Each structure stands twice: as C-alpha cells, then as structure tokens.
Amino acid sequence: MQGPQIHPLGDSALLCSLPAPATLPQQQRIWALAELAGGWDEVGEVVPGMNNLTLITRRPVVDLDALARRIGQVWPKLSGAASEGRTVEIPVVYGGAGGPDLDAVARHTKLSTDEVIRRHSAGEYVVYFIGFMPGFAYMGGLAPELATPRHTTPRMAIPAGSVGIGGEQTGIYPMASPGGWQLLGRTALPLFDPAQEPPTLLRPGDRVRFVVERVERVEQ
C-alpha cells in the first residue's frame, strides 16, 4: 500500500493523506496511525478524516520534517487488520415525511422504492470517521447501485435522525441542520448527547446495520 503524502499545516500541524479512492484497509491504517501518533510526546491531538489524518502538535515544532520522517518510518509497520468495532443496529422508519427523497432515489437508481429500502437495509456499513458536525458518521459500504448525488441546493433544515445518501455514502444527521443528502427515512435513536461519555453513539470502526422499523407511504 502506498504511503501517505505529508504536508505541513502552518508550524503546528501535519496532514497525512492517502490517494483516492478511500477503502476500508486504507482507513484502518489511518486509525492505526492515529492511535500510535496520539501517544507521541510532541503530538497533542489527532484528527482522523476520510483517507487522511491531521496531527496537531502541542506547540510549534521547529522541525516538522523530523515528525514527517517518523510517520514515514512507522507507516510500513502499521496493521491494516479489521477493527474490533461494535455492531450497532439503527431502527429506521423509511419513507413518508421522514424520507422525502425515497422516490427520487428510486427514480435515479431505476429501482422500486421497496428495492431501495431492501438494499439499503441489507448492507453492513463501517464508520470511517466522525465529521461535519458532532456525531455525524461517514460510512463506507453503500451498494454502488444506490449511489445518488446530493441535492444541488441543500435544504435549510433537516431533522435530527434523518438517514440519507450522499453520493457513494450513507449517513445519519445527529441533530437538526442544513444539508444536501437524499433522505430515505428517520431514526429516533439519539446519535449525539453531550451529557454522555463518549457523547457520540457511533465511533470509527463501528459496523452499522439499518433495521426496517416500518415503511410509510406518501398518499397521492
């Protein structure tokens, strides 16, 4: 596997990025590097992203090149073994008011709405990273035939718990926010609670299955 490209971000951070496309083995290497580098004295914070990792130092580092060389040295030794993440089931009410884009996804994919639901709920998804907002999990594993472009004009308000498709990924909005993903349904399961530790339900490496709670039909 090709090693990461490493770029300085000012004098207190490094960005390690891997070539596209993002794959589970590459993401597992990212997680392994994050765990290792998080224990280095000069590193104060690690921020995993999709196919990349940002290392933020505790203070400005005079020789970021030395840190970059250290990353290059450990990279070949990192394990890409499967993560021991949990399996989390997410109950979803598909269609109806919570899934206003189900018909549009069916038209785009040339599948029936029932088949979209069947294929979406049949998948096993892996949380690659948490981003965009607290608790928003970017997940890999969407069936390629379900890939649907985001809306050209995002909605101003999407309810918490909305389950959607954005390009080649699926995800869940943990709180009300603007967004452009195609909405298939909604879950009542809380995804983010700042009073809990950890505050996010899903974590990198978790495997997610969507369970059909029921299907609501829109009256014509």
C-alpha atoms as a PDB file:
ATOM      1  CA  MET A   1       0.000   0.000   0.000  1.00  0.00           C
ATOM      2  CA  GLN A   2       1.351   3.402  -0.959  1.00  0.00           C
ATOM      3  CA  GLY A   3       2.389   5.576   1.961  1.00  0.00           C
ATOM      4  CA  PRO A   4       0.752   8.893   2.832  1.00  0.00           C
ATOM      5  CA  GLN A   5       1.634  12.248   1.361  1.00  0.00           C
ATOM      6  CA  ILE A   6       2.595  14.558   4.228  1.00  0.00           C
ATOM      7  CA  HIS A   7       2.070  18.308   4.142  1.00  0.00           C
ATOM      8  CA  PRO A   8       2.627  20.927   6.869  1.00  0.00           C
ATOM      9  CA  LEU A   9      -0.354  22.985   8.013  1.00  0.00           C
ATOM     10  CA  GLY A  10       1.361  26.034   9.421  1.00  0.00           C
ATOM     11  CA  ASP A  11       4.003  25.329  12.079  1.00  0.00           C
ATOM     12  CA  SER A  12       1.849  23.221  14.413  1.00  0.00           C
ATOM     13  CA  ALA A  13       0.227  20.511  12.318  1.00  0.00           C
ATOM     14  CA  LEU A  14       0.799  17.917   9.617  1.00  0.00           C
ATOM     15  CA  LEU A  15      -1.725  16.483   7.171  1.00  0.00           C
ATOM     16  CA  CYS A  16      -1.191  12.869   6.110  1.00  0.00           C
ATOM     17  CA  SER A  17      -3.320  11.982   3.104  1.00  0.00           C
ATOM     18  CA  LEU A  18      -3.697   8.799   1.061  1.00  0.00           C
ATOM     19  CA  PRO A  19      -4.553   8.600  -2.649  1.00  0.00           C
ATOM     20  CA  ALA A  20      -8.164   8.015  -3.664  1.00  0.00           C
ATOM     21  CA  PRO A  21     -10.306   6.022  -3.556  1.00  0.00           C
ATOM     22  CA  ALA A  22     -10.914   5.611   0.157  1.00  0.00           C
ATOM     23  CA  THR A  23     -11.002   1.946   1.113  1.00  0.00           C
ATOM     24  CA  LEU A  24     -11.502   0.125   4.400  1.00  0.00           C
ATOM     25  CA  PRO A  25      -7.884  -1.175   4.541  1.00  0.00           C
ATOM     26  CA  GLN A  26      -6.569   2.356   3.980  1.00  0.00           C
ATOM     27  CA  GLN A  27      -8.907   3.732   6.638  1.00  0.00           C
ATOM     28  CA  GLN A  28      -7.768   1.045   9.076  1.00  0.00           C
ATOM     29  CA  ARG A  29      -4.176   2.169   8.542  1.00  0.00           C
ATOM     30  CA  ILE A  30      -5.313   5.744   9.283  1.00  0.00           C
ATOM     31  CA  TRP A  31      -6.873   4.581  12.566  1.00  0.00           C
ATOM     32  CA  ALA A  32      -3.728   2.669  13.489  1.00  0.00           C
ATOM     33  CA  LEU A  33      -1.525   5.700  12.805  1.00  0.00           C
ATOM     34  CA  ALA A  34      -3.875   7.903  14.836  1.00  0.00           C
ATOM     35  CA  GLU A  35      -3.659   5.538  17.811  1.00  0.00           C
ATOM     36  CA  LEU A  36       0.129   5.345  17.622  1.00  0.00           C
ATOM     37  CA  ALA A  37       0.850   9.028  16.977  1.00  0.00           C
ATOM     38  CA  GLY A  38      -1.592  10.081  19.692  1.00  0.00           C
ATOM     39  CA  GLY A  39       0.924   8.721  22.201  1.00  0.00           C
ATOM     40  CA  TRP A  40       3.901  10.699  20.890  1.00  0.00           C
ATOM     41  CA  ASP A  41       5.123  13.466  23.195  1.00  0.00           C
ATOM     42  CA  GLU A  42       5.035  16.185  20.550  1.00  0.00           C
ATOM     43  CA  VAL A  43       1.506  15.356  19.334  1.00  0.00           C
ATOM     44  CA  GLY A  44      -1.368  16.959  21.206  1.00  0.00           C
ATOM     45  CA  GLU A  45      -4.314  15.876  19.063  1.00  0.00           C
ATOM     46  CA  VAL A  46      -5.041  13.522  16.167  1.00  0.00           C
ATOM     47  CA  VAL A  47      -7.986  14.117  13.836  1.00  0.00           C
ATOM     48  CA  PRO A  48      -8.848  11.197  11.522  1.00  0.00           C
ATOM     49  CA  GLY A  49     -10.684  12.086   8.322  1.00  0.00           C
ATOM     50  CA  MET A  50     -11.703  10.262   5.175  1.00  0.00           C
ATOM     51  CA  ASN A  51      -8.438   8.869   3.802  1.00  0.00           C
ATOM     52  CA  ASN A  52      -6.405  11.340   5.845  1.00  0.00           C
ATOM     53  CA  LEU A  53      -5.133  12.182   9.309  1.00  0.00           C
ATOM     54  CA  THR A  54      -4.214  15.549  10.812  1.00  0.00           C
ATOM     55  CA  LEU A  55      -1.630  15.625  13.619  1.00  0.00           C
ATOM     56  CA  ILE A  56      -1.709  18.755  15.759  1.00  0.00           C
ATOM     57  CA  THR A  57       1.398  19.344  17.866  1.00  0.00           C
ATOM     58  CA  ARG A  58       1.403  20.561  21.468  1.00  0.00           C
ATOM     59  CA  ARG A  59       3.411  23.624  20.463  1.00  0.00           C
ATOM     60  CA  PRO A  60       5.009  24.930  17.267  1.00  0.00           C
ATOM     61  CA  VAL A  61       7.591  22.372  16.154  1.00  0.00           C
ATOM     62  CA  VAL A  62      10.827  23.717  14.715  1.00  0.00           C
ATOM     63  CA  ASP A  63      11.486  20.562  12.678  1.00  0.00           C
ATOM     64  CA  LEU A  64       8.206  19.248  11.258  1.00  0.00           C
ATOM     65  CA  ASP A  65      10.326  17.309   8.773  1.00  0.00           C
ATOM     66  CA  ALA A  66      11.547  15.093  11.616  1.00  0.00           C
ATOM     67  CA  LEU A  67       7.951  14.321  12.574  1.00  0.00           C
ATOM     68  CA  ALA A  68       7.140  13.581   8.934  1.00  0.00           C
ATOM     69  CA  ARG A  69      10.108  11.191   8.734  1.00  0.00           C
ATOM     70  CA  ARG A  70       8.885   9.425  11.864  1.00  0.00           C
ATOM     71  CA  ILE A  71       5.499   8.891  10.237  1.00  0.00           C
ATOM     72  CA  GLY A  72       7.191   7.520   7.134  1.00  0.00           C
ATOM     73  CA  GLN A  73       9.204   5.085   9.238  1.00  0.00           C
ATOM     74  CA  VAL A  74       6.241   3.642  11.164  1.00  0.00           C
ATOM     75  CA  TRP A  75       3.780   3.537   8.252  1.00  0.00           C
ATOM     76  CA  PRO A  76       5.001   0.222   6.713  1.00  0.00           C
ATOM     77  CA  LYS A  77       4.722  -1.449  10.130  1.00  0.00           C
ATOM     78  CA  LEU A  78       1.099  -0.444  10.778  1.00  0.00           C
ATOM     79  CA  SER A  79      -1.517  -3.155  10.737  1.00  0.00           C
ATOM     80  CA  GLY A  80      -4.463  -2.968   8.348  1.00  0.00           C
ATOM     81  CA  ALA A  81      -6.266  -5.710  10.253  1.00  0.00           C
ATOM     82  CA  ALA A  82     -10.015  -5.480  10.720  1.00  0.00           C
ATOM     83  CA  SER A  83     -11.132  -3.176  13.508  1.00  0.00           C
ATOM     84  CA  GLU A  84     -12.784  -4.595  16.615  1.00  0.00           C
ATOM     85  CA  GLY A  85     -15.578  -2.035  16.404  1.00  0.00           C
ATOM     86  CA  ARG A  86     -19.038  -2.731  17.742  1.00  0.00           C
ATOM     87  CA  THR A  87     -22.059  -3.710  15.675  1.00  0.00           C
ATOM     88  CA  VAL A  88     -24.783  -1.081  16.085  1.00  0.00           C
ATOM     89  CA  GLU A  89     -28.335  -1.546  14.810  1.00  0.00           C
ATOM     90  CA  ILE A  90     -30.220   1.595  13.795  1.00  0.00           C
ATOM     91  CA  PRO A  91     -34.037   1.270  13.540  1.00  0.00           C
ATOM     92  CA  VAL A  92     -35.365   3.334  10.627  1.00  0.00           C
ATOM     93  CA  VAL A  93     -38.817   4.401   9.523  1.00  0.00           C
ATOM     94  CA  TYR A  94     -38.360   4.560   5.761  1.00  0.00           C
ATOM     95  CA  GLY A  95     -40.381   6.859   3.510  1.00  0.00           C
ATOM     96  CA  GLY A  96     -43.166   9.228   4.494  1.00  0.00           C
ATOM     97  CA  ALA A  97     -42.399  12.636   5.953  1.00  0.00           C
ATOM     98  CA  GLY A  98     -39.033  11.398   7.247  1.00  0.00           C
ATOM     99  CA  GLY A  99     -37.930  10.097   3.854  1.00  0.00           C
ATOM    100  CA  PRO A 100     -38.979  12.737   1.326  1.00  0.00           C
ATOM    101  CA  ASP A 101     -36.325  11.686  -1.213  1.00  0.00           C
ATOM    102  CA  LEU A 102     -37.059   7.958  -1.302  1.00  0.00           C
ATOM    103  CA  ASP A 103     -38.983   8.260  -4.578  1.00  0.00           C
ATOM    104  CA  ALA A 104     -36.247  10.433  -6.117  1.00  0.00           C
ATOM    105  CA  VAL A 105     -33.571   7.875  -5.209  1.00  0.00           C
ATOM    106  CA  ALA A 106     -35.724   5.111  -6.700  1.00  0.00           C
ATOM    107  CA  ARG A 107     -36.057   7.065  -9.958  1.00  0.00           C
ATOM    108  CA  HIS A 108     -32.337   7.824 -10.099  1.00  0.00           C
ATOM    109  CA  THR A 109     -31.322   4.220  -9.447  1.00  0.00           C
ATOM    110  CA  LYS A 110     -34.128   2.764 -11.609  1.00  0.00           C
ATOM    111  CA  LEU A 111     -35.242   0.599  -8.694  1.00  0.00           C
ATOM    112  CA  SER A 112     -38.559   0.397  -6.904  1.00  0.00           C
ATOM    113  CA  THR A 113     -38.826   2.148  -3.534  1.00  0.00           C
ATOM    114  CA  ASP A 114     -39.173  -1.244  -1.848  1.00  0.00           C
ATOM    115  CA  GLU A 115     -35.963  -2.414  -3.533  1.00  0.00           C
ATOM    116  CA  VAL A 116     -34.101   0.729  -2.457  1.00  0.00           C
ATOM    117  CA  ILE A 117     -35.176   0.037   1.127  1.00  0.00           C
ATOM    118  CA  ARG A 118     -34.260  -3.641   0.874  1.00  0.00           C
ATOM    119  CA  ARG A 119     -30.785  -2.969  -0.475  1.00  0.00           C
ATOM    120  CA  HIS A 120     -30.086  -0.073   1.887  1.00  0.00           C
ATOM    121  CA  SER A 121     -31.114  -2.083   4.958  1.00  0.00           C
ATOM    122  CA  ALA A 122     -29.261  -5.206   3.743  1.00  0.00           C
ATOM    123  CA  GLY A 123     -25.850  -3.540   3.850  1.00  0.00           C
ATOM    124  CA  GLU A 124     -23.274  -3.590   6.608  1.00  0.00           C
ATOM    125  CA  TYR A 125     -21.632  -0.189   6.886  1.00  0.00           C
ATOM    126  CA  VAL A 126     -18.348   0.789   8.520  1.00  0.00           C
ATOM    127  CA  VAL A 127     -17.886   4.145  10.235  1.00  0.00           C
ATOM    128  CA  TYR A 128     -14.837   5.714   8.579  1.00  0.00           C
ATOM    129  CA  PHE A 129     -14.766   8.909  10.618  1.00  0.00           C
ATOM    130  CA  ILE A 130     -16.900  11.428  12.509  1.00  0.00           C
ATOM    131  CA  GLY A 131     -17.110  14.853  10.919  1.00  0.00           C
ATOM    132  CA  PHE A 132     -19.223  17.717   9.537  1.00  0.00           C
ATOM    133  CA  MET A 133     -20.933  18.041  12.935  1.00  0.00           C
ATOM    134  CA  PRO A 134     -20.649  16.204  16.279  1.00  0.00           C
ATOM    135  CA  GLY A 135     -21.831  12.625  15.855  1.00  0.00           C
ATOM    136  CA  PHE A 136     -22.170  12.646  12.056  1.00  0.00           C
ATOM    137  CA  ALA A 137     -20.692   9.333  10.920  1.00  0.00           C
ATOM    138  CA  TYR A 138     -19.335   8.997   7.391  1.00  0.00           C
ATOM    139  CA  MET A 139     -19.848   5.351   6.487  1.00  0.00           C
ATOM    140  CA  GLY A 140     -18.478   3.168   3.734  1.00  0.00           C
ATOM    141  CA  GLY A 141     -20.224   0.118   2.332  1.00  0.00           C
ATOM    142  CA  LEU A 142     -23.146   1.577   0.373  1.00  0.00           C
ATOM    143  CA  ALA A 143     -24.157  -0.674  -2.507  1.00  0.00           C
ATOM    144  CA  PRO A 144     -22.823   1.045  -5.664  1.00  0.00           C
ATOM    145  CA  GLU A 145     -26.203   0.890  -7.388  1.00  0.00           C
ATOM    146  CA  LEU A 146     -27.698   3.073  -4.625  1.00  0.00           C
ATOM    147  CA  ALA A 147     -25.223   5.939  -5.094  1.00  0.00           C
ATOM    148  CA  THR A 148     -27.184   9.142  -5.694  1.00  0.00           C
ATOM    149  CA  PRO A 149     -25.829  12.703  -5.995  1.00  0.00           C
ATOM    150  CA  ARG A 150     -26.561  15.211  -3.281  1.00  0.00           C
ATOM    151  CA  HIS A 151     -29.120  17.930  -3.882  1.00  0.00           C
ATOM    152  CA  THR A 152     -27.775  20.825  -5.936  1.00  0.00           C
ATOM    153  CA  THR A 153     -29.380  23.213  -3.434  1.00  0.00           C
ATOM    154  CA  PRO A 154     -29.180  21.961   0.166  1.00  0.00           C
ATOM    155  CA  ARG A 155     -32.203  22.098   2.433  1.00  0.00           C
ATOM    156  CA  MET A 156     -32.040  24.757   5.120  1.00  0.00           C
ATOM    157  CA  ALA A 157     -33.258  22.402   7.861  1.00  0.00           C
ATOM    158  CA  ILE A 158     -33.027  18.618   8.083  1.00  0.00           C
ATOM    159  CA  PRO A 159     -34.487  16.956  11.217  1.00  0.00           C
ATOM    160  CA  ALA A 160     -32.276  15.071  13.651  1.00  0.00           C
ATOM    161  CA  GLY A 161     -32.152  11.346  12.944  1.00  0.00           C
ATOM    162  CA  SER A 162     -32.600  11.704   9.186  1.00  0.00           C
ATOM    163  CA  VAL A 163     -30.976   8.831   7.271  1.00  0.00           C
ATOM    164  CA  GLY A 164     -29.713   9.707   3.825  1.00  0.00           C
ATOM    165  CA  ILE A 165     -27.469   9.030   0.869  1.00  0.00           C
ATOM    166  CA  GLY A 166     -24.819  11.483  -0.269  1.00  0.00           C
ATOM    167  CA  GLY A 167     -23.016  10.275  -3.376  1.00  0.00           C
ATOM    168  CA  GLU A 168     -21.419   6.919  -2.557  1.00  0.00           C
ATOM    169  CA  GLN A 169     -22.011   7.142   1.202  1.00  0.00           C
ATOM    170  CA  THR A 170     -24.843   6.833   3.656  1.00  0.00           C
ATOM    171  CA  GLY A 171     -25.154   8.679   6.942  1.00  0.00           C
ATOM    172  CA  ILE A 172     -27.400   9.962   9.716  1.00  0.00           C
ATOM    173  CA  TYR A 173     -27.902  13.577  10.763  1.00  0.00           C
ATOM    174  CA  PRO A 174     -27.368  13.583  14.563  1.00  0.00           C
ATOM    175  CA  MET A 175     -29.037  16.966  15.015  1.00  0.00           C
ATOM    176  CA  ALA A 176     -31.141  19.395  13.019  1.00  0.00           C
ATOM    177  CA  SER A 177     -29.023  21.201  10.455  1.00  0.00           C
ATOM    178  CA  PRO A 178     -28.835  22.299   6.824  1.00  0.00           C
ATOM    179  CA  GLY A 179     -27.800  19.551   4.432  1.00  0.00           C
ATOM    180  CA  GLY A 180     -27.980  18.238   0.910  1.00  0.00           C
ATOM    181  CA  TRP A 181     -28.179  14.458   1.311  1.00  0.00           C
ATOM    182  CA  GLN A 182     -31.039  12.440  -0.181  1.00  0.00           C
ATOM    183  CA  LEU A 183     -33.284  11.482   2.741  1.00  0.00           C
ATOM    184  CA  LEU A 184     -34.639   7.917   2.866  1.00  0.00           C
ATOM    185  CA  GLY A 185     -36.072   7.824   6.381  1.00  0.00           C
ATOM    186  CA  ARG A 186     -35.542   8.696  10.017  1.00  0.00           C
ATOM    187  CA  THR A 187     -34.449   7.064  13.253  1.00  0.00           C
ATOM    188  CA  ALA A 188     -35.496   8.020  16.763  1.00  0.00           C
ATOM    189  CA  LEU A 189     -32.186   6.744  18.173  1.00  0.00           C
ATOM    190  CA  PRO A 190     -30.099   9.600  19.641  1.00  0.00           C
ATOM    191  CA  LEU A 191     -26.771   9.941  17.805  1.00  0.00           C
ATOM    192  CA  PHE A 192     -25.248  12.713  19.927  1.00  0.00           C
ATOM    193  CA  ASP A 193     -25.688  13.526  23.608  1.00  0.00           C
ATOM    194  CA  PRO A 194     -23.152  15.948  25.144  1.00  0.00           C
ATOM    195  CA  ALA A 195     -24.090  14.704  28.620  1.00  0.00           C
ATOM    196  CA  GLN A 196     -22.825  11.187  27.824  1.00  0.00           C
ATOM    197  CA  GLU A 197     -19.242   9.926  27.629  1.00  0.00           C
ATOM    198  CA  PRO A 198     -18.480   9.440  24.854  1.00  0.00           C
ATOM    199  CA  PRO A 199     -21.114  11.868  23.518  1.00  0.00           C
ATOM    200  CA  THR A 200     -21.410  10.182  20.113  1.00  0.00           C
ATOM    201  CA  LEU A 201     -23.244   6.890  19.624  1.00  0.00           C
ATOM    202  CA  LEU A 202     -21.076   5.833  16.686  1.00  0.00           C
ATOM    203  CA  ARG A 203     -17.274   5.656  16.614  1.00  0.00           C
ATOM    204  CA  PRO A 204     -14.722   4.955  13.869  1.00  0.00           C
ATOM    205  CA  GLY A 205     -14.565   1.246  13.153  1.00  0.00           C
ATOM    206  CA  ASP A 206     -18.137   0.508  14.250  1.00  0.00           C
ATOM    207  CA  ARG A 207     -20.263  -1.610  11.921  1.00  0.00           C
ATOM    208  CA  VAL A 208     -23.772  -0.311  11.345  1.00  0.00           C
ATOM    209  CA  ARG A 209     -26.887  -2.116  10.191  1.00  0.00           C
ATOM    210  CA  PHE A 210     -30.130  -0.324   9.398  1.00  0.00           C
ATOM    211  CA  VAL A 211     -33.222  -2.193  10.580  1.00  0.00           C
ATOM    212  CA  VAL A 212     -36.578  -1.519   8.929  1.00  0.00           C
ATOM    213  CA  GLU A 213     -38.911  -0.410  11.711  1.00  0.00           C
ATOM    214  CA  ARG A 214     -41.691   0.263   9.229  1.00  0.00           C
ATOM    215  CA  VAL A 215     -42.313   1.806   5.816  1.00  0.00           C
ATOM    216  CA  GLU A 216     -44.580   4.819   5.447  1.00  0.00           C
ATOM    217  CA  ARG A 217     -46.269   5.544   2.151  1.00  0.00           C
ATOM    218  CA  VAL A 218     -46.985   9.042   0.928  1.00  0.00           C
ATOM    219  CA  GLU A 219     -50.648   9.467  -0.009  1.00  0.00           C
ATOM    220  CA  GLN A 220     -51.069  10.570  -3.611  1.00  0.00           C
END
